[in-house]
Amino acid sequence: MTGTTDLVVNGERVTVRADARTSLARVLREQLRCTSVKLACERGECGACTVLVGGVPRMACVTPARLVGREVVTAEGLGEEARDLQEAFADHGAFQCGFCTAGQLVHAVAVLRGPVPGGAELEPYVRRRLSGNICRCTGYNGLVDAVCAVAEART
């Protein structure tokens, strides 16, 4: 049965229509036009749909919209917090086709919000934390280099 659900998306309170099986990704893309949220695997395996739910990276394709209950932030809602990351992604060749870029960017923001190790521990930490986002184009080195560069610049 389809009903309505109240969400806070990118700082705005919205009411959306969703049944128990409607994914957050579908609601974000189809009702709210947040096109940074990509539908790819729709099984929670690739990370193209990554959003922040209560500040935590979540695969929106396997998150029921009716069960969210916390603020949702998409790439469109990152604003100035992601400016240096966007520039680093460009400087380090962290994207090619761009399909996974928004999910990678959202996940990287979450990684950089927490305590991040320095020195020789930084690169393996970033690789491990971003491992849930798949990119078929870049080979990941540019992505990891970009996030590491921003982490170092922010300290």
N, C-alpha and C. Protein backbone atom coordinates (compact mmCIF):
# COMPACT_ATOMS: atom_id res chain seq x y z
N MET A 1 0.84 -1.18 0.00
CA MET A 1 0.00 0.00 0.00
C MET A 1 0.88 1.24 0.00
N THR A 2 0.63 2.12 -0.93
CA THR A 2 1.40 3.35 -1.03
C THR A 2 0.87 4.38 -0.04
N GLY A 3 1.79 5.02 0.63
CA GLY A 3 1.45 6.07 1.58
C GLY A 3 2.41 7.23 1.42
N THR A 4 2.37 8.14 2.35
CA THR A 4 3.31 9.26 2.31
C THR A 4 4.30 9.13 3.45
N THR A 5 5.46 9.67 3.22
CA THR A 5 6.54 9.66 4.19
C THR A 5 7.18 11.03 4.21
N ASP A 6 7.48 11.53 5.38
CA ASP A 6 8.17 12.80 5.50
C ASP A 6 9.66 12.54 5.61
N LEU A 7 10.44 13.28 4.85
CA LEU A 7 11.90 13.18 4.86
C LEU A 7 12.49 14.58 4.95
N VAL A 8 13.73 14.65 5.39
CA VAL A 8 14.51 15.88 5.28
C VAL A 8 15.65 15.54 4.33
N VAL A 9 15.65 16.18 3.16
CA VAL A 9 16.64 15.90 2.13
C VAL A 9 17.37 17.20 1.81
N ASN A 10 18.67 17.18 1.98
CA ASN A 10 19.51 18.35 1.72
C ASN A 10 18.98 19.59 2.43
N GLY A 11 18.52 19.38 3.68
CA GLY A 11 18.06 20.48 4.52
C GLY A 11 16.62 20.90 4.31
N GLU A 12 15.91 20.28 3.39
CA GLU A 12 14.53 20.66 3.09
C GLU A 12 13.57 19.54 3.50
N ARG A 13 12.53 19.88 4.24
CA ARG A 13 11.51 18.90 4.63
C ARG A 13 10.60 18.67 3.43
N VAL A 14 10.41 17.39 3.09
CA VAL A 14 9.57 17.02 1.94
C VAL A 14 8.67 15.86 2.33
N THR A 15 7.56 15.75 1.64
CA THR A 15 6.66 14.61 1.78
C THR A 15 6.67 13.88 0.45
N VAL A 16 6.93 12.58 0.51
CA VAL A 16 7.02 11.77 -0.71
C VAL A 16 6.04 10.60 -0.62
N ARG A 17 5.74 10.02 -1.77
CA ARG A 17 4.89 8.84 -1.82
C ARG A 17 5.79 7.62 -1.93
N ALA A 18 5.53 6.63 -1.07
CA ALA A 18 6.35 5.42 -1.09
C ALA A 18 5.61 4.28 -0.42
N ASP A 19 5.75 3.08 -1.00
CA ASP A 19 5.23 1.91 -0.31
C ASP A 19 6.40 1.27 0.44
N ALA A 20 6.17 0.16 1.08
CA ALA A 20 7.20 -0.47 1.92
C ALA A 20 8.42 -0.91 1.12
N ARG A 21 8.27 -1.11 -0.18
CA ARG A 21 9.39 -1.59 -1.00
C ARG A 21 10.08 -0.49 -1.80
N THR A 22 9.59 0.71 -1.77
CA THR A 22 10.18 1.78 -2.56
C THR A 22 11.51 2.21 -1.96
N SER A 23 12.54 2.14 -2.77
CA SER A 23 13.88 2.49 -2.26
C SER A 23 14.04 4.01 -2.16
N LEU A 24 14.90 4.39 -1.26
CA LEU A 24 15.26 5.80 -1.11
C LEU A 24 15.83 6.33 -2.42
N ALA A 25 16.61 5.53 -3.13
CA ALA A 25 17.19 5.97 -4.40
C ALA A 25 16.10 6.34 -5.40
N ARG A 26 15.08 5.52 -5.51
CA ARG A 26 13.98 5.81 -6.45
C ARG A 26 13.25 7.09 -6.06
N VAL A 27 13.00 7.26 -4.77
CA VAL A 27 12.33 8.48 -4.30
C VAL A 27 13.19 9.70 -4.62
N LEU A 28 14.48 9.62 -4.30
CA LEU A 28 15.36 10.76 -4.53
C LEU A 28 15.43 11.13 -6.02
N ARG A 29 15.59 10.15 -6.87
CA ARG A 29 15.71 10.41 -8.31
C ARG A 29 14.38 10.81 -8.95
N GLU A 30 13.36 9.99 -8.71
CA GLU A 30 12.13 10.14 -9.47
C GLU A 30 11.18 11.19 -8.92
N GLN A 31 11.15 11.37 -7.61
CA GLN A 31 10.24 12.36 -7.04
C GLN A 31 10.92 13.68 -6.71
N LEU A 32 12.17 13.61 -6.27
CA LEU A 32 12.86 14.82 -5.83
C LEU A 32 13.90 15.31 -6.82
N ARG A 33 14.10 14.58 -7.90
CA ARG A 33 15.02 14.96 -8.99
C ARG A 33 16.47 15.15 -8.53
N CYS A 34 16.88 14.36 -7.55
CA CYS A 34 18.29 14.35 -7.11
C CYS A 34 19.02 13.37 -8.03
N THR A 35 19.43 13.86 -9.18
CA THR A 35 19.99 12.97 -10.20
C THR A 35 21.43 12.54 -9.93
N SER A 36 22.03 13.07 -8.87
CA SER A 36 23.37 12.58 -8.53
C SER A 36 23.30 11.15 -8.01
N VAL A 37 22.14 10.76 -7.50
CA VAL A 37 21.94 9.41 -6.97
C VAL A 37 21.68 8.49 -8.16
N LYS A 38 22.63 7.63 -8.45
CA LYS A 38 22.53 6.75 -9.62
C LYS A 38 21.95 5.39 -9.24
N LEU A 39 21.14 4.85 -10.11
CA LEU A 39 20.64 3.49 -9.96
C LEU A 39 21.46 2.62 -10.90
N ALA A 40 22.23 1.73 -10.33
CA ALA A 40 23.08 0.85 -11.14
C ALA A 40 22.76 -0.60 -10.80
N CYS A 41 23.40 -1.13 -9.78
CA CYS A 41 23.21 -2.54 -9.44
C CYS A 41 21.86 -2.81 -8.78
N GLU A 42 21.35 -1.84 -8.03
CA GLU A 42 20.12 -1.95 -7.25
C GLU A 42 20.13 -3.13 -6.28
N ARG A 43 21.36 -3.50 -5.83
CA ARG A 43 21.53 -4.57 -4.85
C ARG A 43 22.46 -4.16 -3.71
N GLY A 44 22.88 -2.91 -3.66
CA GLY A 44 23.75 -2.44 -2.60
C GLY A 44 25.19 -2.89 -2.75
N GLU A 45 25.62 -3.13 -3.97
CA GLU A 45 26.97 -3.64 -4.20
C GLU A 45 27.93 -2.64 -4.83
N CYS A 46 27.43 -1.62 -5.53
CA CYS A 46 28.35 -0.78 -6.30
C CYS A 46 28.63 0.59 -5.70
N GLY A 47 27.70 1.14 -4.94
CA GLY A 47 27.92 2.43 -4.30
C GLY A 47 27.56 3.65 -5.14
N ALA A 48 27.07 3.46 -6.35
CA ALA A 48 26.71 4.61 -7.19
C ALA A 48 25.58 5.43 -6.59
N CYS A 49 24.82 4.82 -5.71
CA CYS A 49 23.67 5.49 -5.09
C CYS A 49 23.98 6.01 -3.69
N THR A 50 25.24 6.08 -3.30
CA THR A 50 25.60 6.44 -1.93
C THR A 50 25.10 7.83 -1.56
N VAL A 51 24.44 7.90 -0.41
CA VAL A 51 23.99 9.15 0.19
C VAL A 51 24.37 9.10 1.67
N LEU A 52 24.26 10.20 2.34
CA LEU A 52 24.48 10.22 3.78
C LEU A 52 23.12 10.20 4.46
N VAL A 53 22.92 9.27 5.36
CA VAL A 53 21.71 9.20 6.17
C VAL A 53 22.15 9.40 7.61
N GLY A 54 21.80 10.55 8.16
CA GLY A 54 22.27 10.87 9.50
C GLY A 54 23.78 10.97 9.55
N GLY A 55 24.40 11.36 8.45
CA GLY A 55 25.85 11.52 8.37
C GLY A 55 26.62 10.26 8.03
N VAL A 56 25.92 9.13 7.88
CA VAL A 56 26.57 7.85 7.60
C VAL A 56 26.32 7.45 6.15
N PRO A 57 27.36 7.02 5.42
CA PRO A 57 27.14 6.59 4.03
C PRO A 57 26.21 5.38 3.98
N ARG A 58 25.21 5.46 3.10
CA ARG A 58 24.25 4.36 2.92
C ARG A 58 24.01 4.16 1.44
N MET A 59 23.78 2.93 1.06
CA MET A 59 23.39 2.60 -0.31
C MET A 59 21.89 2.86 -0.40
N ALA A 60 21.51 3.90 -1.11
CA ALA A 60 20.11 4.30 -1.18
C ALA A 60 19.25 3.30 -1.94
N CYS A 61 19.85 2.47 -2.77
CA CYS A 61 19.07 1.51 -3.56
C CYS A 61 18.50 0.39 -2.70
N VAL A 62 19.09 0.12 -1.55
CA VAL A 62 18.59 -0.95 -0.67
C VAL A 62 18.07 -0.40 0.65
N THR A 63 17.88 0.90 0.72
CA THR A 63 17.34 1.54 1.91
C THR A 63 15.88 1.91 1.64
N PRO A 64 14.94 1.29 2.34
CA PRO A 64 13.53 1.64 2.14
C PRO A 64 13.28 3.09 2.55
N ALA A 65 12.69 3.86 1.67
CA ALA A 65 12.46 5.29 1.93
C ALA A 65 11.62 5.50 3.18
N ARG A 66 10.67 4.62 3.42
CA ARG A 66 9.77 4.80 4.56
C ARG A 66 10.45 4.56 5.91
N LEU A 67 11.65 3.98 5.90
CA LEU A 67 12.34 3.67 7.15
C LEU A 67 13.52 4.59 7.46
N VAL A 68 13.70 5.63 6.67
CA VAL A 68 14.89 6.47 6.83
C VAL A 68 14.93 7.17 8.18
N GLY A 69 14.03 8.05 8.48
CA GLY A 69 13.93 8.68 9.79
C GLY A 69 15.03 9.64 10.18
N ARG A 70 16.02 9.86 9.33
CA ARG A 70 17.10 10.81 9.63
C ARG A 70 17.36 11.65 8.39
N GLU A 71 18.09 12.75 8.54
CA GLU A 71 18.36 13.62 7.41
C GLU A 71 19.16 12.89 6.33
N VAL A 72 18.78 13.13 5.10
CA VAL A 72 19.45 12.56 3.94
C VAL A 72 20.20 13.68 3.22
N VAL A 73 21.46 13.42 2.88
CA VAL A 73 22.25 14.38 2.10
C VAL A 73 22.77 13.67 0.86
N THR A 74 22.49 14.26 -0.29
CA THR A 74 22.99 13.76 -1.57
C THR A 74 24.15 14.65 -2.01
N ALA A 75 24.76 14.33 -3.12
CA ALA A 75 25.85 15.16 -3.63
C ALA A 75 25.38 16.60 -3.86
N GLU A 76 24.11 16.75 -4.26
CA GLU A 76 23.58 18.11 -4.47
C GLU A 76 23.59 18.92 -3.19
N GLY A 77 23.51 18.28 -2.04
CA GLY A 77 23.43 18.98 -0.77
C GLY A 77 24.74 19.18 -0.05
N LEU A 78 25.84 18.75 -0.64
CA LEU A 78 27.14 18.86 0.05
C LEU A 78 27.67 20.28 0.10
N GLY A 79 27.39 21.08 -0.90
CA GLY A 79 27.80 22.48 -0.93
C GLY A 79 29.30 22.69 -0.77
N GLU A 80 29.64 23.70 -0.01
CA GLU A 80 31.04 24.10 0.17
C GLU A 80 31.89 23.04 0.84
N GLU A 81 31.28 22.17 1.62
CA GLU A 81 32.04 21.14 2.31
C GLU A 81 32.81 20.25 1.33
N ALA A 82 32.30 20.12 0.12
CA ALA A 82 32.92 19.24 -0.86
C ALA A 82 33.74 19.97 -1.91
N ARG A 83 33.83 21.27 -1.82
CA ARG A 83 34.51 22.05 -2.87
C ARG A 83 35.95 21.59 -3.08
N ASP A 84 36.72 21.46 -1.98
CA ASP A 84 38.11 21.04 -2.13
C ASP A 84 38.22 19.61 -2.65
N LEU A 85 37.28 18.76 -2.28
CA LEU A 85 37.27 17.39 -2.80
C LEU A 85 36.99 17.37 -4.30
N GLN A 86 36.03 18.17 -4.73
CA GLN A 86 35.72 18.24 -6.15
C GLN A 86 36.95 18.69 -6.95
N GLU A 87 37.63 19.69 -6.44
CA GLU A 87 38.84 20.17 -7.12
C GLU A 87 39.93 19.10 -7.13
N ALA A 88 40.08 18.39 -6.01
CA ALA A 88 41.09 17.32 -5.93
C ALA A 88 40.73 16.17 -6.86
N PHE A 89 39.44 15.84 -6.99
CA PHE A 89 39.03 14.80 -7.93
C PHE A 89 39.47 15.18 -9.34
N ALA A 90 39.28 16.44 -9.72
CA ALA A 90 39.69 16.90 -11.05
C ALA A 90 41.21 16.89 -11.17
N ASP A 91 41.91 17.40 -10.18
CA ASP A 91 43.38 17.49 -10.22
C ASP A 91 44.05 16.13 -10.29
N HIS A 92 43.44 15.11 -9.67
CA HIS A 92 44.07 13.79 -9.58
C HIS A 92 43.47 12.77 -10.55
N GLY A 93 42.64 13.23 -11.47
CA GLY A 93 42.04 12.31 -12.44
C GLY A 93 41.19 11.25 -11.77
N ALA A 94 40.41 11.65 -10.78
CA ALA A 94 39.64 10.70 -9.99
C ALA A 94 38.33 10.28 -10.65
N PHE A 95 38.07 10.75 -11.83
CA PHE A 95 36.87 10.30 -12.53
C PHE A 95 37.15 10.28 -14.03
N GLN A 96 36.44 9.42 -14.71
CA GLN A 96 36.51 9.39 -16.16
C GLN A 96 35.11 9.53 -16.73
N CYS A 97 34.30 8.47 -16.65
CA CYS A 97 32.94 8.59 -17.20
C CYS A 97 32.05 9.42 -16.31
N GLY A 98 32.32 9.45 -15.00
CA GLY A 98 31.57 10.26 -14.06
C GLY A 98 30.38 9.59 -13.42
N PHE A 99 30.02 8.39 -13.85
CA PHE A 99 28.82 7.74 -13.33
C PHE A 99 28.89 7.53 -11.82
N CYS A 100 30.03 7.09 -11.32
CA CYS A 100 30.15 6.78 -9.88
C CYS A 100 30.64 7.97 -9.07
N THR A 101 30.96 9.07 -9.71
CA THR A 101 31.62 10.19 -9.04
C THR A 101 30.82 10.75 -7.87
N ALA A 102 29.54 10.95 -8.03
CA ALA A 102 28.74 11.54 -6.94
C ALA A 102 28.74 10.64 -5.71
N GLY A 103 28.57 9.33 -5.91
CA GLY A 103 28.62 8.40 -4.79
C GLY A 103 29.98 8.38 -4.13
N GLN A 104 31.04 8.43 -4.94
CA GLN A 104 32.40 8.48 -4.40
C GLN A 104 32.60 9.76 -3.58
N LEU A 105 32.12 10.86 -4.11
CA LEU A 105 32.27 12.16 -3.43
C LEU A 105 31.53 12.16 -2.09
N VAL A 106 30.30 11.68 -2.07
CA VAL A 106 29.52 11.62 -0.83
C VAL A 106 30.24 10.76 0.19
N HIS A 107 30.72 9.60 -0.24
CA HIS A 107 31.41 8.70 0.68
C HIS A 107 32.70 9.35 1.19
N ALA A 108 33.44 10.02 0.31
CA ALA A 108 34.69 10.67 0.72
C ALA A 108 34.44 11.77 1.75
N VAL A 109 33.34 12.51 1.60
CA VAL A 109 32.99 13.53 2.60
C VAL A 109 32.83 12.88 3.96
N ALA A 110 32.13 11.76 4.00
CA ALA A 110 31.92 11.06 5.28
C ALA A 110 33.24 10.59 5.87
N VAL A 111 34.12 10.07 5.03
CA VAL A 111 35.43 9.60 5.49
C VAL A 111 36.21 10.76 6.12
N LEU A 112 36.19 11.90 5.47
CA LEU A 112 36.97 13.04 5.94
C LEU A 112 36.34 13.75 7.14
N ARG A 113 35.10 13.47 7.45
CA ARG A 113 34.47 14.06 8.64
C ARG A 113 34.99 13.43 9.92
N GLY A 114 35.38 12.19 9.85
CA GLY A 114 35.83 11.48 11.05
C GLY A 114 37.31 11.68 11.28
N PRO A 115 37.82 11.11 12.35
CA PRO A 115 39.27 11.16 12.55
C PRO A 115 39.96 10.35 11.45
N VAL A 116 40.94 10.95 10.84
CA VAL A 116 41.66 10.32 9.73
C VAL A 116 43.12 10.19 10.14
N PRO A 117 43.69 9.00 10.01
CA PRO A 117 45.10 8.84 10.38
C PRO A 117 46.01 9.60 9.42
N GLY A 118 47.19 9.88 9.87
CA GLY A 118 48.15 10.56 9.02
C GLY A 118 49.27 9.63 8.60
N GLY A 119 50.22 10.19 7.89
CA GLY A 119 51.42 9.46 7.51
C GLY A 119 51.15 8.23 6.66
N ALA A 120 51.90 7.18 6.93
CA ALA A 120 51.83 5.95 6.14
C ALA A 120 50.51 5.23 6.31
N GLU A 121 49.74 5.54 7.34
CA GLU A 121 48.46 4.88 7.57
C GLU A 121 47.32 5.47 6.75
N LEU A 122 47.51 6.67 6.20
CA LEU A 122 46.42 7.37 5.52
C LEU A 122 45.95 6.64 4.27
N GLU A 123 46.85 6.30 3.38
CA GLU A 123 46.45 5.69 2.10
C GLU A 123 45.71 4.37 2.28
N PRO A 124 46.20 3.42 3.09
CA PRO A 124 45.43 2.19 3.27
C PRO A 124 44.08 2.43 3.96
N TYR A 125 44.03 3.40 4.85
CA TYR A 125 42.78 3.75 5.52
C TYR A 125 41.75 4.24 4.50
N VAL A 126 42.15 5.16 3.64
CA VAL A 126 41.23 5.70 2.63
C VAL A 126 40.79 4.59 1.68
N ARG A 127 41.70 3.76 1.22
CA ARG A 127 41.34 2.63 0.34
C ARG A 127 40.30 1.73 0.98
N ARG A 128 40.52 1.40 2.23
CA ARG A 128 39.60 0.51 2.95
C ARG A 128 38.24 1.17 3.12
N ARG A 129 38.21 2.43 3.49
CA ARG A 129 36.94 3.13 3.72
C ARG A 129 36.14 3.33 2.44
N LEU A 130 36.81 3.51 1.32
CA LEU A 130 36.10 3.73 0.05
C LEU A 130 35.82 2.44 -0.71
N SER A 131 36.17 1.31 -0.13
CA SER A 131 36.08 0.04 -0.85
C SER A 131 34.67 -0.35 -1.26
N GLY A 132 33.65 0.22 -0.67
CA GLY A 132 32.28 -0.12 -1.04
C GLY A 132 31.78 0.57 -2.29
N ASN A 133 32.58 1.47 -2.85
CA ASN A 133 32.18 2.18 -4.07
C ASN A 133 33.02 1.66 -5.23
N ILE A 134 32.33 1.13 -6.22
CA ILE A 134 33.00 0.53 -7.37
C ILE A 134 33.12 1.53 -8.51
N CYS A 135 34.29 1.57 -9.12
CA CYS A 135 34.54 2.38 -10.31
C CYS A 135 35.20 1.48 -11.35
N ARG A 136 34.60 1.39 -12.51
CA ARG A 136 35.15 0.53 -13.55
C ARG A 136 36.14 1.27 -14.46
N CYS A 137 36.30 2.57 -14.27
CA CYS A 137 37.12 3.35 -15.19
C CYS A 137 38.50 3.75 -14.67
N THR A 138 38.59 4.12 -13.40
CA THR A 138 39.79 4.84 -12.95
C THR A 138 40.90 3.99 -12.36
N GLY A 139 40.60 2.81 -11.89
CA GLY A 139 41.61 2.03 -11.20
C GLY A 139 41.85 2.50 -9.78
N TYR A 140 41.06 3.43 -9.30
CA TYR A 140 41.02 3.90 -7.90
C TYR A 140 42.19 4.76 -7.46
N ASN A 141 43.34 4.69 -8.09
CA ASN A 141 44.48 5.45 -7.59
C ASN A 141 44.21 6.94 -7.54
N GLY A 142 43.59 7.48 -8.57
CA GLY A 142 43.26 8.90 -8.57
C GLY A 142 42.28 9.27 -7.48
N LEU A 143 41.30 8.41 -7.24
CA LEU A 143 40.32 8.65 -6.18
C LEU A 143 41.01 8.68 -4.81
N VAL A 144 41.82 7.67 -4.57
CA VAL A 144 42.52 7.58 -3.28
C VAL A 144 43.48 8.75 -3.13
N ASP A 145 44.22 9.08 -4.18
CA ASP A 145 45.15 10.20 -4.12
C ASP A 145 44.42 11.51 -3.82
N ALA A 146 43.26 11.71 -4.43
CA ALA A 146 42.49 12.94 -4.22
C ALA A 146 42.04 13.05 -2.76
N VAL A 147 41.49 11.98 -2.22
CA VAL A 147 41.01 12.02 -0.84
C VAL A 147 42.18 12.19 0.13
N CYS A 148 43.27 11.53 -0.14
CA CYS A 148 44.47 11.68 0.72
C CYS A 148 44.99 13.11 0.67
N ALA A 149 45.01 13.71 -0.52
CA ALA A 149 45.50 15.08 -0.65
C ALA A 149 44.63 16.04 0.16
N VAL A 150 43.33 15.85 0.11
CA VAL A 150 42.44 16.72 0.88
C VAL A 150 42.60 16.48 2.37
N ALA A 151 42.73 15.22 2.77
CA ALA A 151 42.94 14.92 4.18
C ALA A 151 44.19 15.60 4.71
N GLU A 152 45.25 15.52 3.93
CA GLU A 152 46.51 16.17 4.34
C GLU A 152 46.39 17.68 4.37
N ALA A 153 45.70 18.26 3.39
CA ALA A 153 45.54 19.71 3.34
C ALA A 153 44.66 20.24 4.47
N ARG A 154 43.72 19.43 4.92
CA ARG A 154 42.82 19.86 5.98
C ARG A 154 43.44 19.78 7.37
N THR A 155 44.53 19.06 7.53
CA THR A 155 45.14 18.94 8.86
C THR A 155 46.09 20.07 9.15
